[in-house]
Amino acid sequence: MQLIFLVILIGALAAGVIVLALLGWAQRRRRLKLTRVAHAMGLKFSADDPFDLTNRYRGFVLPSAGHSPRADNVIYGRHRGWSVRAFDYYFEAGHGPHRLGRRYGVIVADTDVDLRRALMWHGADPGPVPIAAATPGGEAGPWHVVHGGASAAALAEAFGGFADEPVNVQTDRRSVMLCAAGRWKPDDLSRRIDAAVGGLENLKARWGGA
């Protein structure tokens, strides 16, 4: 019996080591791809969070949706004249045995445009809707408009390239946050950043710079 227990224990430990090694390899591979994406776009990459993003954007719904937040794998810089940051975001919802981890891919842009204040949560987002986004006041395409109804049509048109992703959209004064459940795939990230910048250019043409 002791021998069987020992074999099981060794097998479990070996399996754990293999899983950790595979996770570490996958993370290194992902970061290498993200570094290449950043370089190709003239941007920079940091495996860690050099901007304190979890506190910098606390006014947005996503960073206030849970606890123990963490941002990493940050691509940042100026793209087509716009200051952008794309990163992996993780937080936990619930406590104790009911605690669950949530992952999102996020793109944030700080602009010189008065983007007003709006929140549109995509109807096909597979994750639990944050409490602050749980009471929609209207619809704009596939998005539930939580607030900012006067701007919703313009935002839905500007960021229409994300309508099928699904990606949530929030603006607050001069910043916009686009986020989707899961992590951005490196191979798709340059397209998403381009789409985000294209949306901002559309909005600037409508609303003008400050």
N, C-alpha and C. Protein backbone atom coordinates (compact mmCIF):
# COMPACT_ATOMS: atom_id res chain seq x y z
N MET A 1 0.83 -1.21 0.00
CA MET A 1 0.00 0.00 0.00
C MET A 1 0.87 1.26 0.00
N GLN A 2 1.93 1.23 0.84
CA GLN A 2 2.81 2.39 0.89
C GLN A 2 3.50 2.61 -0.45
N LEU A 3 3.86 1.51 -1.11
CA LEU A 3 4.52 1.63 -2.41
C LEU A 3 3.57 2.25 -3.43
N ILE A 4 2.32 1.84 -3.42
CA ILE A 4 1.33 2.40 -4.35
C ILE A 4 1.15 3.90 -4.09
N PHE A 5 1.06 4.25 -2.80
CA PHE A 5 0.91 5.66 -2.45
C PHE A 5 2.11 6.46 -2.92
N LEU A 6 3.31 5.91 -2.75
CA LEU A 6 4.52 6.60 -3.16
C LEU A 6 4.56 6.80 -4.68
N VAL A 7 4.15 5.76 -5.41
CA VAL A 7 4.13 5.87 -6.88
C VAL A 7 3.14 6.95 -7.32
N ILE A 8 1.97 6.97 -6.68
CA ILE A 8 0.96 7.98 -7.00
C ILE A 8 1.48 9.38 -6.70
N LEU A 9 2.14 9.52 -5.55
CA LEU A 9 2.67 10.82 -5.15
C LEU A 9 3.73 11.31 -6.13
N ILE A 10 4.65 10.41 -6.50
CA ILE A 10 5.70 10.78 -7.46
C ILE A 10 5.09 11.14 -8.80
N GLY A 11 4.08 10.37 -9.22
CA GLY A 11 3.42 10.67 -10.49
C GLY A 11 2.75 12.02 -10.47
N ALA A 12 2.09 12.35 -9.35
CA ALA A 12 1.42 13.64 -9.23
C ALA A 12 2.42 14.79 -9.26
N LEU A 13 3.53 14.61 -8.55
CA LEU A 13 4.57 15.64 -8.54
C LEU A 13 5.16 15.83 -9.93
N ALA A 14 5.41 14.73 -10.62
CA ALA A 14 5.96 14.81 -11.97
C ALA A 14 5.00 15.52 -12.92
N ALA A 15 3.71 15.18 -12.79
CA ALA A 15 2.71 15.83 -13.63
C ALA A 15 2.65 17.33 -13.35
N GLY A 16 2.77 17.70 -12.06
CA GLY A 16 2.76 19.12 -11.70
C GLY A 16 3.94 19.87 -12.30
N VAL A 17 5.11 19.25 -12.24
CA VAL A 17 6.31 19.86 -12.81
C VAL A 17 6.16 20.05 -14.32
N ILE A 18 5.61 19.04 -14.98
CA ILE A 18 5.41 19.12 -16.44
C ILE A 18 4.43 20.23 -16.79
N VAL A 19 3.32 20.33 -16.03
CA VAL A 19 2.33 21.37 -16.29
C VAL A 19 2.95 22.76 -16.12
N LEU A 20 3.71 22.95 -15.03
CA LEU A 20 4.35 24.25 -14.80
C LEU A 20 5.34 24.58 -15.91
N ALA A 21 6.08 23.58 -16.35
CA ALA A 21 7.04 23.81 -17.44
C ALA A 21 6.33 24.21 -18.72
N LEU A 22 5.21 23.55 -19.02
CA LEU A 22 4.46 23.88 -20.23
C LEU A 22 3.86 25.29 -20.14
N LEU A 23 3.36 25.64 -18.97
CA LEU A 23 2.81 26.98 -18.79
C LEU A 23 3.89 28.04 -18.96
N GLY A 24 5.06 27.78 -18.38
CA GLY A 24 6.16 28.72 -18.52
C GLY A 24 6.61 28.86 -19.97
N TRP A 25 6.66 27.73 -20.67
CA TRP A 25 7.04 27.77 -22.09
C TRP A 25 6.01 28.54 -22.90
N ALA A 26 4.72 28.33 -22.63
CA ALA A 26 3.66 29.03 -23.36
C ALA A 26 3.73 30.53 -23.10
N GLN A 27 4.01 30.91 -21.85
CA GLN A 27 4.12 32.33 -21.52
C GLN A 27 5.30 32.97 -22.23
N ARG A 28 6.45 32.30 -22.24
CA ARG A 28 7.63 32.84 -22.94
C ARG A 28 7.36 32.97 -24.43
N ARG A 29 6.69 31.98 -25.00
CA ARG A 29 6.38 32.01 -26.43
C ARG A 29 5.43 33.16 -26.75
N ARG A 30 4.43 33.36 -25.90
CA ARG A 30 3.48 34.45 -26.10
C ARG A 30 4.19 35.80 -26.02
N ARG A 31 5.06 35.96 -25.05
CA ARG A 31 5.77 37.23 -24.89
C ARG A 31 6.71 37.51 -26.06
N LEU A 32 7.32 36.48 -26.58
CA LEU A 32 8.17 36.65 -27.76
C LEU A 32 7.35 37.14 -28.94
N LYS A 33 6.17 36.56 -29.13
CA LYS A 33 5.29 36.99 -30.23
C LYS A 33 4.83 38.43 -30.03
N LEU A 34 4.48 38.79 -28.80
CA LEU A 34 4.04 40.14 -28.52
C LEU A 34 5.17 41.15 -28.75
N THR A 35 6.37 40.76 -28.40
CA THR A 35 7.52 41.63 -28.65
C THR A 35 7.68 41.89 -30.14
N ARG A 36 7.50 40.86 -30.95
CA ARG A 36 7.61 41.01 -32.40
C ARG A 36 6.49 41.90 -32.94
N VAL A 37 5.27 41.74 -32.41
CA VAL A 37 4.16 42.58 -32.83
C VAL A 37 4.46 44.04 -32.52
N ALA A 38 4.93 44.30 -31.30
CA ALA A 38 5.24 45.67 -30.90
C ALA A 38 6.31 46.27 -31.80
N HIS A 39 7.37 45.51 -32.05
CA HIS A 39 8.46 46.01 -32.90
C HIS A 39 7.97 46.33 -34.30
N ALA A 40 7.13 45.47 -34.85
CA ALA A 40 6.63 45.68 -36.21
C ALA A 40 5.76 46.94 -36.30
N MET A 41 5.13 47.32 -35.18
CA MET A 41 4.26 48.50 -35.18
C MET A 41 4.97 49.76 -34.68
N GLY A 42 6.27 49.64 -34.37
CA GLY A 42 7.00 50.78 -33.85
C GLY A 42 6.66 51.09 -32.40
N LEU A 43 6.19 50.09 -31.67
CA LEU A 43 5.81 50.24 -30.27
C LEU A 43 6.80 49.50 -29.38
N LYS A 44 6.59 49.59 -28.07
CA LYS A 44 7.45 48.92 -27.10
C LYS A 44 6.66 47.83 -26.38
N PHE A 45 7.40 46.91 -25.76
CA PHE A 45 6.77 45.82 -25.02
C PHE A 45 7.40 45.69 -23.64
N SER A 46 6.57 45.47 -22.64
CA SER A 46 7.04 45.19 -21.29
C SER A 46 6.27 44.00 -20.73
N ALA A 47 6.98 43.01 -20.23
CA ALA A 47 6.31 41.85 -19.62
C ALA A 47 5.58 42.26 -18.36
N ASP A 48 6.08 43.29 -17.67
CA ASP A 48 5.44 43.79 -16.46
C ASP A 48 4.62 45.05 -16.78
N ASP A 49 4.02 45.64 -15.77
CA ASP A 49 3.19 46.83 -15.93
C ASP A 49 3.97 48.07 -15.49
N PRO A 50 4.52 48.84 -16.42
CA PRO A 50 5.30 50.02 -16.04
C PRO A 50 4.45 51.26 -15.77
N PHE A 51 3.12 51.16 -15.90
CA PHE A 51 2.25 52.34 -15.80
C PHE A 51 1.27 52.28 -14.64
N ASP A 52 1.33 51.24 -13.81
CA ASP A 52 0.35 51.06 -12.74
C ASP A 52 -1.06 51.13 -13.30
N LEU A 53 -1.30 50.33 -14.34
CA LEU A 53 -2.56 50.40 -15.08
C LEU A 53 -3.77 50.05 -14.23
N THR A 54 -3.59 49.17 -13.26
CA THR A 54 -4.73 48.75 -12.44
C THR A 54 -5.28 49.89 -11.61
N ASN A 55 -4.46 50.89 -11.33
CA ASN A 55 -4.93 52.07 -10.60
C ASN A 55 -5.16 53.27 -11.52
N ARG A 56 -4.42 53.33 -12.60
CA ARG A 56 -4.52 54.46 -13.51
C ARG A 56 -5.92 54.61 -14.10
N TYR A 57 -6.58 53.49 -14.35
CA TYR A 57 -7.90 53.52 -14.99
C TYR A 57 -8.99 52.97 -14.08
N ARG A 58 -8.89 53.26 -12.80
CA ARG A 58 -9.88 52.75 -11.85
C ARG A 58 -11.26 53.32 -12.10
N GLY A 59 -11.36 54.42 -12.83
CA GLY A 59 -12.66 55.01 -13.11
C GLY A 59 -13.47 54.23 -14.13
N PHE A 60 -12.83 53.27 -14.80
CA PHE A 60 -13.53 52.45 -15.77
C PHE A 60 -14.15 51.23 -15.09
N VAL A 61 -15.16 50.66 -15.74
CA VAL A 61 -15.91 49.56 -15.14
C VAL A 61 -15.04 48.32 -14.93
N LEU A 62 -14.26 47.93 -15.93
CA LEU A 62 -13.52 46.68 -15.82
C LEU A 62 -12.58 46.65 -14.62
N PRO A 63 -11.74 47.67 -14.39
CA PRO A 63 -10.84 47.62 -13.23
C PRO A 63 -11.56 47.63 -11.89
N SER A 64 -12.84 48.01 -11.88
CA SER A 64 -13.58 48.04 -10.62
C SER A 64 -14.49 46.82 -10.46
N ALA A 65 -14.33 45.83 -11.35
CA ALA A 65 -15.25 44.69 -11.37
C ALA A 65 -14.89 43.59 -10.38
N GLY A 66 -13.70 43.62 -9.80
CA GLY A 66 -13.30 42.54 -8.88
C GLY A 66 -12.18 43.00 -7.98
N HIS A 67 -11.37 42.05 -7.55
CA HIS A 67 -10.25 42.38 -6.66
C HIS A 67 -8.99 41.64 -7.14
N SER A 68 -7.88 41.95 -6.50
CA SER A 68 -6.58 41.36 -6.84
C SER A 68 -6.25 41.53 -8.32
N PRO A 69 -6.36 42.76 -8.86
CA PRO A 69 -6.12 42.96 -10.29
C PRO A 69 -4.63 42.88 -10.63
N ARG A 70 -4.37 42.52 -11.87
CA ARG A 70 -2.99 42.47 -12.35
C ARG A 70 -2.98 42.74 -13.85
N ALA A 71 -2.07 43.58 -14.29
CA ALA A 71 -1.88 43.85 -15.71
C ALA A 71 -0.45 43.46 -16.09
N ASP A 72 -0.30 42.81 -17.23
CA ASP A 72 1.04 42.47 -17.71
C ASP A 72 1.02 42.35 -19.23
N ASN A 73 2.18 42.01 -19.79
CA ASN A 73 2.32 41.89 -21.24
C ASN A 73 1.82 43.15 -21.94
N VAL A 74 2.44 44.28 -21.61
CA VAL A 74 1.97 45.59 -22.06
C VAL A 74 2.70 46.02 -23.34
N ILE A 75 1.94 46.29 -24.38
CA ILE A 75 2.45 46.93 -25.60
C ILE A 75 2.05 48.39 -25.53
N TYR A 76 3.00 49.30 -25.74
CA TYR A 76 2.67 50.72 -25.55
C TYR A 76 3.50 51.61 -26.48
N GLY A 77 3.02 52.85 -26.62
CA GLY A 77 3.70 53.83 -27.44
C GLY A 77 2.70 54.63 -28.25
N ARG A 78 3.19 55.29 -29.29
CA ARG A 78 2.33 56.09 -30.16
C ARG A 78 2.19 55.38 -31.50
N HIS A 79 0.94 55.21 -31.92
CA HIS A 79 0.65 54.54 -33.19
C HIS A 79 -0.23 55.46 -34.01
N ARG A 80 0.27 55.86 -35.16
CA ARG A 80 -0.45 56.79 -36.04
C ARG A 80 -0.83 58.06 -35.28
N GLY A 81 0.07 58.46 -34.36
CA GLY A 81 -0.13 59.70 -33.63
C GLY A 81 -0.92 59.58 -32.35
N TRP A 82 -1.38 58.36 -32.01
CA TRP A 82 -2.22 58.17 -30.83
C TRP A 82 -1.46 57.37 -29.77
N SER A 83 -1.63 57.78 -28.51
CA SER A 83 -1.01 57.06 -27.40
C SER A 83 -1.87 55.85 -27.04
N VAL A 84 -1.32 54.65 -27.24
CA VAL A 84 -2.09 53.43 -27.01
C VAL A 84 -1.35 52.49 -26.07
N ARG A 85 -2.13 51.68 -25.37
CA ARG A 85 -1.59 50.61 -24.53
C ARG A 85 -2.49 49.40 -24.70
N ALA A 86 -1.89 48.27 -24.97
CA ALA A 86 -2.63 47.01 -25.07
C ALA A 86 -2.01 46.05 -24.06
N PHE A 87 -2.85 45.34 -23.30
CA PHE A 87 -2.28 44.51 -22.25
C PHE A 87 -3.24 43.40 -21.84
N ASP A 88 -2.69 42.42 -21.13
CA ASP A 88 -3.48 41.35 -20.52
C ASP A 88 -3.91 41.82 -19.13
N TYR A 89 -5.17 41.60 -18.79
CA TYR A 89 -5.69 42.04 -17.50
C TYR A 89 -6.33 40.87 -16.79
N TYR A 90 -6.01 40.73 -15.51
CA TYR A 90 -6.54 39.63 -14.71
C TYR A 90 -7.09 40.19 -13.41
N PHE A 91 -8.25 39.67 -12.99
CA PHE A 91 -8.77 40.00 -11.67
C PHE A 91 -9.55 38.81 -11.14
N GLU A 92 -9.90 38.86 -9.89
CA GLU A 92 -10.65 37.78 -9.26
C GLU A 92 -12.01 38.29 -8.81
N ALA A 93 -13.01 37.45 -8.97
CA ALA A 93 -14.37 37.76 -8.53
C ALA A 93 -14.78 36.74 -7.47
N GLY A 94 -15.41 37.21 -6.42
CA GLY A 94 -15.81 36.31 -5.34
C GLY A 94 -14.68 36.05 -4.38
N HIS A 95 -14.98 35.24 -3.36
CA HIS A 95 -14.00 34.96 -2.32
C HIS A 95 -14.10 33.48 -1.91
N GLY A 96 -13.05 33.01 -1.27
CA GLY A 96 -13.04 31.65 -0.77
C GLY A 96 -13.24 30.62 -1.87
N PRO A 97 -14.04 29.58 -1.60
CA PRO A 97 -14.24 28.51 -2.58
C PRO A 97 -14.98 28.97 -3.83
N HIS A 98 -15.61 30.15 -3.76
CA HIS A 98 -16.36 30.67 -4.91
C HIS A 98 -15.54 31.67 -5.73
N ARG A 99 -14.27 31.81 -5.39
CA ARG A 99 -13.42 32.77 -6.09
C ARG A 99 -13.08 32.27 -7.48
N LEU A 100 -13.24 33.13 -8.48
CA LEU A 100 -12.95 32.79 -9.86
C LEU A 100 -12.05 33.85 -10.48
N GLY A 101 -11.10 33.41 -11.29
CA GLY A 101 -10.23 34.33 -12.00
C GLY A 101 -10.84 34.72 -13.35
N ARG A 102 -10.69 35.97 -13.72
CA ARG A 102 -11.20 36.47 -15.00
C ARG A 102 -10.04 37.09 -15.78
N ARG A 103 -9.99 36.80 -17.06
CA ARG A 103 -8.95 37.38 -17.92
C ARG A 103 -9.59 38.19 -19.03
N TYR A 104 -9.01 39.34 -19.30
CA TYR A 104 -9.48 40.19 -20.40
C TYR A 104 -8.29 40.70 -21.20
N GLY A 105 -8.51 40.89 -22.48
CA GLY A 105 -7.59 41.63 -23.31
C GLY A 105 -8.07 43.06 -23.38
N VAL A 106 -7.17 44.02 -23.22
CA VAL A 106 -7.56 45.43 -23.10
C VAL A 106 -6.72 46.29 -24.03
N ILE A 107 -7.36 47.25 -24.66
CA ILE A 107 -6.68 48.33 -25.37
C ILE A 107 -7.19 49.64 -24.79
N VAL A 108 -6.26 50.52 -24.40
CA VAL A 108 -6.62 51.83 -23.87
C VAL A 108 -5.88 52.89 -24.68
N ALA A 109 -6.58 53.97 -24.97
CA ALA A 109 -5.95 55.10 -25.66
C ALA A 109 -6.27 56.38 -24.90
N ASP A 110 -5.25 57.20 -24.67
CA ASP A 110 -5.43 58.53 -24.10
C ASP A 110 -5.35 59.52 -25.25
N THR A 111 -6.31 60.42 -25.36
CA THR A 111 -6.45 61.25 -26.54
C THR A 111 -6.53 62.74 -26.20
N ASP A 112 -6.61 63.56 -27.24
CA ASP A 112 -6.87 64.99 -27.08
C ASP A 112 -8.29 65.33 -27.48
N VAL A 113 -9.14 64.31 -27.53
CA VAL A 113 -10.53 64.49 -27.96
C VAL A 113 -11.46 64.35 -26.77
N ASP A 114 -12.47 65.22 -26.71
CA ASP A 114 -13.49 65.09 -25.68
C ASP A 114 -14.40 63.92 -26.07
N LEU A 115 -14.13 62.74 -25.51
CA LEU A 115 -14.87 61.54 -25.86
C LEU A 115 -16.18 61.40 -25.08
N ARG A 116 -16.45 62.40 -24.24
CA ARG A 116 -17.66 62.36 -23.43
C ARG A 116 -17.62 61.13 -22.53
N ARG A 117 -18.74 60.69 -22.09
CA ARG A 117 -18.75 59.57 -21.13
C ARG A 117 -19.82 58.57 -21.57
N ALA A 118 -19.37 57.36 -21.85
CA ALA A 118 -20.32 56.34 -22.32
C ALA A 118 -19.81 54.96 -21.95
N LEU A 119 -20.73 54.03 -21.82
CA LEU A 119 -20.39 52.63 -21.55
C LEU A 119 -21.32 51.74 -22.37
N MET A 120 -20.73 50.91 -23.22
CA MET A 120 -21.49 49.97 -24.04
C MET A 120 -20.93 48.57 -23.82
N TRP A 121 -21.74 47.68 -23.26
CA TRP A 121 -21.31 46.31 -22.97
C TRP A 121 -21.86 45.39 -24.05
N HIS A 122 -20.99 44.61 -24.65
CA HIS A 122 -21.39 43.78 -25.78
C HIS A 122 -22.31 42.65 -25.32
N GLY A 123 -23.40 42.46 -26.05
CA GLY A 123 -24.38 41.45 -25.67
C GLY A 123 -23.86 40.03 -25.71
N ALA A 124 -22.77 39.79 -26.46
CA ALA A 124 -22.23 38.44 -26.58
C ALA A 124 -21.01 38.20 -25.70
N ASP A 125 -20.71 39.14 -24.81
CA ASP A 125 -19.59 38.92 -23.88
C ASP A 125 -19.90 37.69 -23.03
N PRO A 126 -19.02 36.69 -23.02
CA PRO A 126 -19.33 35.44 -22.34
C PRO A 126 -19.18 35.49 -20.83
N GLY A 127 -18.55 36.53 -20.31
CA GLY A 127 -18.32 36.59 -18.87
C GLY A 127 -19.48 37.23 -18.13
N PRO A 128 -19.49 37.10 -16.79
CA PRO A 128 -20.51 37.78 -15.99
C PRO A 128 -20.41 39.29 -16.18
N VAL A 129 -21.54 39.95 -16.34
CA VAL A 129 -21.54 41.39 -16.55
C VAL A 129 -21.24 42.10 -15.23
N PRO A 130 -20.28 43.02 -15.21
CA PRO A 130 -20.03 43.78 -13.98
C PRO A 130 -21.29 44.49 -13.51
N ILE A 131 -21.44 44.63 -12.21
CA ILE A 131 -22.65 45.23 -11.64
C ILE A 131 -22.93 46.60 -12.26
N ALA A 132 -21.86 47.38 -12.48
CA ALA A 132 -22.03 48.73 -13.02
C ALA A 132 -22.51 48.73 -14.46
N ALA A 133 -22.44 47.57 -15.12
CA ALA A 133 -22.87 47.48 -16.52
C ALA A 133 -24.10 46.60 -16.69
N ALA A 134 -24.74 46.27 -15.58
CA ALA A 134 -25.80 45.27 -15.62
C ALA A 134 -27.20 45.82 -15.92
N THR A 135 -27.32 47.14 -16.01
CA THR A 135 -28.63 47.73 -16.25
C THR A 135 -28.59 48.60 -17.50
N PRO A 136 -28.72 47.98 -18.67
CA PRO A 136 -28.65 48.77 -19.91
C PRO A 136 -29.85 49.69 -20.08
N GLY A 137 -29.58 50.82 -20.76
CA GLY A 137 -30.65 51.78 -20.99
C GLY A 137 -31.03 51.90 -22.45
N GLY A 138 -30.50 51.01 -23.27
CA GLY A 138 -30.81 51.07 -24.70
C GLY A 138 -29.90 50.14 -25.46
N GLU A 139 -30.00 50.16 -26.77
CA GLU A 139 -29.20 49.30 -27.63
C GLU A 139 -28.55 50.13 -28.73
N ALA A 140 -27.35 49.71 -29.14
CA ALA A 140 -26.66 50.31 -30.28
C ALA A 140 -25.96 49.17 -31.00
N GLY A 141 -26.62 48.62 -32.02
CA GLY A 141 -26.07 47.44 -32.67
C GLY A 141 -26.03 46.28 -31.68
N PRO A 142 -24.88 45.60 -31.54
CA PRO A 142 -24.79 44.47 -30.61
C PRO A 142 -24.51 44.89 -29.17
N TRP A 143 -24.39 46.19 -28.93
CA TRP A 143 -24.03 46.66 -27.59
C TRP A 143 -25.25 47.08 -26.78
N HIS A 144 -25.21 46.75 -25.49
CA HIS A 144 -26.16 47.29 -24.53
C HIS A 144 -25.61 48.62 -24.04
N VAL A 145 -26.33 49.68 -24.23
CA VAL A 145 -25.87 51.00 -23.82
C VAL A 145 -26.25 51.22 -22.36
N VAL A 146 -25.25 51.29 -21.50
CA VAL A 146 -25.50 51.46 -20.08
C VAL A 146 -25.69 52.94 -19.75
N HIS A 147 -24.82 53.78 -20.30
CA HIS A 147 -25.01 55.23 -20.20
C HIS A 147 -24.28 55.88 -21.38
N GLY A 148 -24.61 57.15 -21.62
CA GLY A 148 -24.04 57.85 -22.76
C GLY A 148 -24.82 57.61 -24.04
N GLY A 149 -26.13 57.51 -23.92
CA GLY A 149 -26.96 57.19 -25.07
C GLY A 149 -26.80 58.16 -26.23
N ALA A 150 -26.52 59.44 -25.92
CA ALA A 150 -26.39 60.43 -26.98
C ALA A 150 -25.17 60.17 -27.86
N SER A 151 -24.17 59.47 -27.30
CA SER A 151 -22.94 59.18 -28.04
C SER A 151 -22.93 57.77 -28.60
N ALA A 152 -23.90 56.96 -28.25
CA ALA A 152 -23.86 55.54 -28.56
C ALA A 152 -23.80 55.25 -30.05
N ALA A 153 -24.59 55.95 -30.84
CA ALA A 153 -24.63 55.68 -32.27
C ALA A 153 -23.27 55.97 -32.91
N ALA A 154 -22.65 57.08 -32.51
CA ALA A 154 -21.35 57.44 -33.06
C ALA A 154 -20.29 56.43 -32.64
N LEU A 155 -20.32 55.99 -31.38
CA LEU A 155 -19.35 55.01 -30.89
C LEU A 155 -19.54 53.66 -31.58
N ALA A 156 -20.79 53.25 -31.76
CA ALA A 156 -21.06 51.97 -32.41
C ALA A 156 -20.57 51.98 -33.86
N GLU A 157 -20.69 53.11 -34.51
CA GLU A 157 -20.20 53.21 -35.89
C GLU A 157 -18.67 53.26 -35.92
N ALA A 158 -18.09 54.06 -35.03
CA ALA A 158 -16.63 54.22 -35.02
C ALA A 158 -15.92 52.91 -34.72
N PHE A 159 -16.46 52.14 -33.77
CA PHE A 159 -15.83 50.89 -33.37
C PHE A 159 -16.60 49.68 -33.90
N GLY A 160 -17.24 49.86 -35.04
CA GLY A 160 -18.01 48.78 -35.64
C GLY A 160 -17.18 47.58 -36.03
N GLY A 161 -15.87 47.79 -36.21
CA GLY A 161 -14.99 46.67 -36.52
C GLY A 161 -14.90 45.65 -35.41
N PHE A 162 -15.36 46.02 -34.21
CA PHE A 162 -15.33 45.11 -33.06
C PHE A 162 -16.70 44.50 -32.79
N ALA A 163 -17.67 44.76 -33.64
CA ALA A 163 -19.04 44.32 -33.36
C ALA A 163 -19.17 42.81 -33.25
N ASP A 164 -18.35 42.07 -33.98
CA ASP A 164 -18.46 40.61 -33.98
C ASP A 164 -17.42 39.93 -33.09
N GLU A 165 -16.67 40.67 -32.29
CA GLU A 165 -15.51 40.09 -31.60
C GLU A 165 -15.84 39.17 -30.41
N PRO A 166 -16.59 39.55 -29.36
CA PRO A 166 -17.21 40.82 -29.02
C PRO A 166 -16.31 41.66 -28.11
N VAL A 167 -16.38 42.97 -28.25
CA VAL A 167 -15.55 43.88 -27.47
C VAL A 167 -16.44 44.93 -26.81
N ASN A 168 -16.20 45.18 -25.54
CA ASN A 168 -16.92 46.21 -24.81
C ASN A 168 -16.22 47.55 -24.98
N VAL A 169 -16.99 48.63 -24.97
CA VAL A 169 -16.45 49.97 -25.22
C VAL A 169 -16.84 50.90 -24.08
N GLN A 170 -15.85 51.62 -23.55
CA GLN A 170 -16.15 52.64 -22.55
C GLN A 170 -15.27 53.85 -22.80
N THR A 171 -15.86 55.04 -22.71
CA THR A 171 -15.12 56.28 -22.84
C THR A 171 -15.33 57.11 -21.59
N ASP A 172 -14.31 57.87 -21.23
CA ASP A 172 -14.39 58.73 -20.06
C ASP A 172 -13.49 59.92 -20.29
N ARG A 173 -14.10 61.05 -20.56
CA ARG A 173 -13.38 62.27 -20.86
C ARG A 173 -12.48 62.07 -22.09
N ARG A 174 -11.18 61.91 -21.89
CA ARG A 174 -10.27 61.83 -23.03
C ARG A 174 -9.65 60.44 -23.20
N SER A 175 -10.21 59.45 -22.60
CA SER A 175 -9.68 58.09 -22.72
C SER A 175 -10.77 57.13 -23.17
N VAL A 176 -10.35 56.10 -23.89
CA VAL A 176 -11.28 55.06 -24.32
C VAL A 176 -10.67 53.71 -23.95
N MET A 177 -11.50 52.80 -23.47
CA MET A 177 -11.07 51.45 -23.14
C MET A 177 -11.90 50.45 -23.93
N LEU A 178 -11.21 49.55 -24.63
CA LEU A 178 -11.84 48.44 -25.34
C LEU A 178 -11.37 47.17 -24.66
N CYS A 179 -12.29 46.28 -24.30
CA CYS A 179 -11.89 45.07 -23.60
C CYS A 179 -12.75 43.89 -24.03
N ALA A 180 -12.16 42.71 -24.01
CA ALA A 180 -12.87 41.49 -24.38
C ALA A 180 -12.42 40.36 -23.49
N ALA A 181 -13.34 39.47 -23.14
CA ALA A 181 -13.02 38.32 -22.30
C ALA A 181 -11.96 37.46 -22.99
N GLY A 182 -11.00 36.98 -22.20
CA GLY A 182 -9.88 36.22 -22.75
C GLY A 182 -8.70 37.14 -22.99
N ARG A 183 -7.66 36.62 -23.62
CA ARG A 183 -6.48 37.43 -23.91
C ARG A 183 -6.41 37.69 -25.41
N TRP A 184 -5.93 38.88 -25.79
CA TRP A 184 -5.75 39.16 -27.21
C TRP A 184 -4.75 38.18 -27.80
N LYS A 185 -5.05 37.58 -28.92
CA LYS A 185 -4.09 36.73 -29.60
C LYS A 185 -3.04 37.60 -30.28
N PRO A 186 -1.75 37.30 -30.09
CA PRO A 186 -0.72 38.14 -30.70
C PRO A 186 -0.90 38.35 -32.20
N ASP A 187 -1.31 37.30 -32.91
CA ASP A 187 -1.45 37.40 -34.37
C ASP A 187 -2.56 38.37 -34.77
N ASP A 188 -3.53 38.65 -33.88
CA ASP A 188 -4.64 39.54 -34.19
C ASP A 188 -4.48 40.93 -33.58
N LEU A 189 -3.45 41.10 -32.75
CA LEU A 189 -3.38 42.32 -31.95
C LEU A 189 -3.13 43.57 -32.80
N SER A 190 -2.27 43.47 -33.80
CA SER A 190 -1.99 44.65 -34.63
C SER A 190 -3.27 45.12 -35.33
N ARG A 191 -4.08 44.17 -35.79
CA ARG A 191 -5.34 44.54 -36.43
C ARG A 191 -6.27 45.24 -35.44
N ARG A 192 -6.31 44.75 -34.22
CA ARG A 192 -7.20 45.35 -33.22
C ARG A 192 -6.73 46.75 -32.86
N ILE A 193 -5.42 46.94 -32.71
CA ILE A 193 -4.91 48.27 -32.41
C ILE A 193 -5.22 49.22 -33.56
N ASP A 194 -5.04 48.77 -34.78
CA ASP A 194 -5.38 49.60 -35.95
C ASP A 194 -6.86 49.96 -35.95
N ALA A 195 -7.72 48.99 -35.62
CA ALA A 195 -9.16 49.24 -35.59
C ALA A 195 -9.52 50.25 -34.50
N ALA A 196 -8.84 50.14 -33.35
CA ALA A 196 -9.08 51.09 -32.26
C ALA A 196 -8.68 52.50 -32.67
N VAL A 197 -7.52 52.63 -33.29
CA VAL A 197 -7.05 53.94 -33.74
C VAL A 197 -7.96 54.48 -34.84
N GLY A 198 -8.40 53.61 -35.74
CA GLY A 198 -9.34 54.04 -36.77
C GLY A 198 -10.62 54.59 -36.17
N GLY A 199 -11.11 53.95 -35.10
CA GLY A 199 -12.30 54.45 -34.42
C GLY A 199 -12.07 55.81 -33.81
N LEU A 200 -10.89 56.02 -33.23
CA LEU A 200 -10.57 57.31 -32.64
C LEU A 200 -10.48 58.41 -33.70
N GLU A 201 -9.90 58.07 -34.84
CA GLU A 201 -9.83 59.04 -35.93
C GLU A 201 -11.23 59.42 -36.40
N ASN A 202 -12.11 58.45 -36.43
CA ASN A 202 -13.50 58.71 -36.82
C ASN A 202 -14.16 59.65 -35.82
N LEU A 203 -13.95 59.40 -34.53
CA LEU A 203 -14.55 60.23 -33.50
C LEU A 203 -13.97 61.64 -33.51
N LYS A 204 -12.67 61.75 -33.76
CA LYS A 204 -12.06 63.09 -33.79
C LYS A 204 -12.63 63.90 -34.95
N ALA A 205 -12.87 63.23 -36.08
CA ALA A 205 -13.46 63.93 -37.22
C ALA A 205 -14.87 64.41 -36.88
N ARG A 206 -15.58 63.66 -36.04
CA ARG A 206 -16.94 64.05 -35.65
C ARG A 206 -16.95 65.13 -34.59
N TRP A 207 -16.16 64.91 -33.53
CA TRP A 207 -16.26 65.73 -32.33
C TRP A 207 -15.15 66.76 -32.21
N GLY A 208 -14.04 66.57 -32.95
CA GLY A 208 -12.97 67.56 -32.95
C GLY A 208 -12.06 67.45 -31.74
N GLY A 209 -10.88 68.01 -31.86
CA GLY A 209 -9.89 68.00 -30.78
C GLY A 209 -10.14 69.15 -29.82
N ALA A 210 -9.47 69.04 -28.69
CA ALA A 210 -9.62 70.08 -27.68
C ALA A 210 -8.64 71.22 -27.95
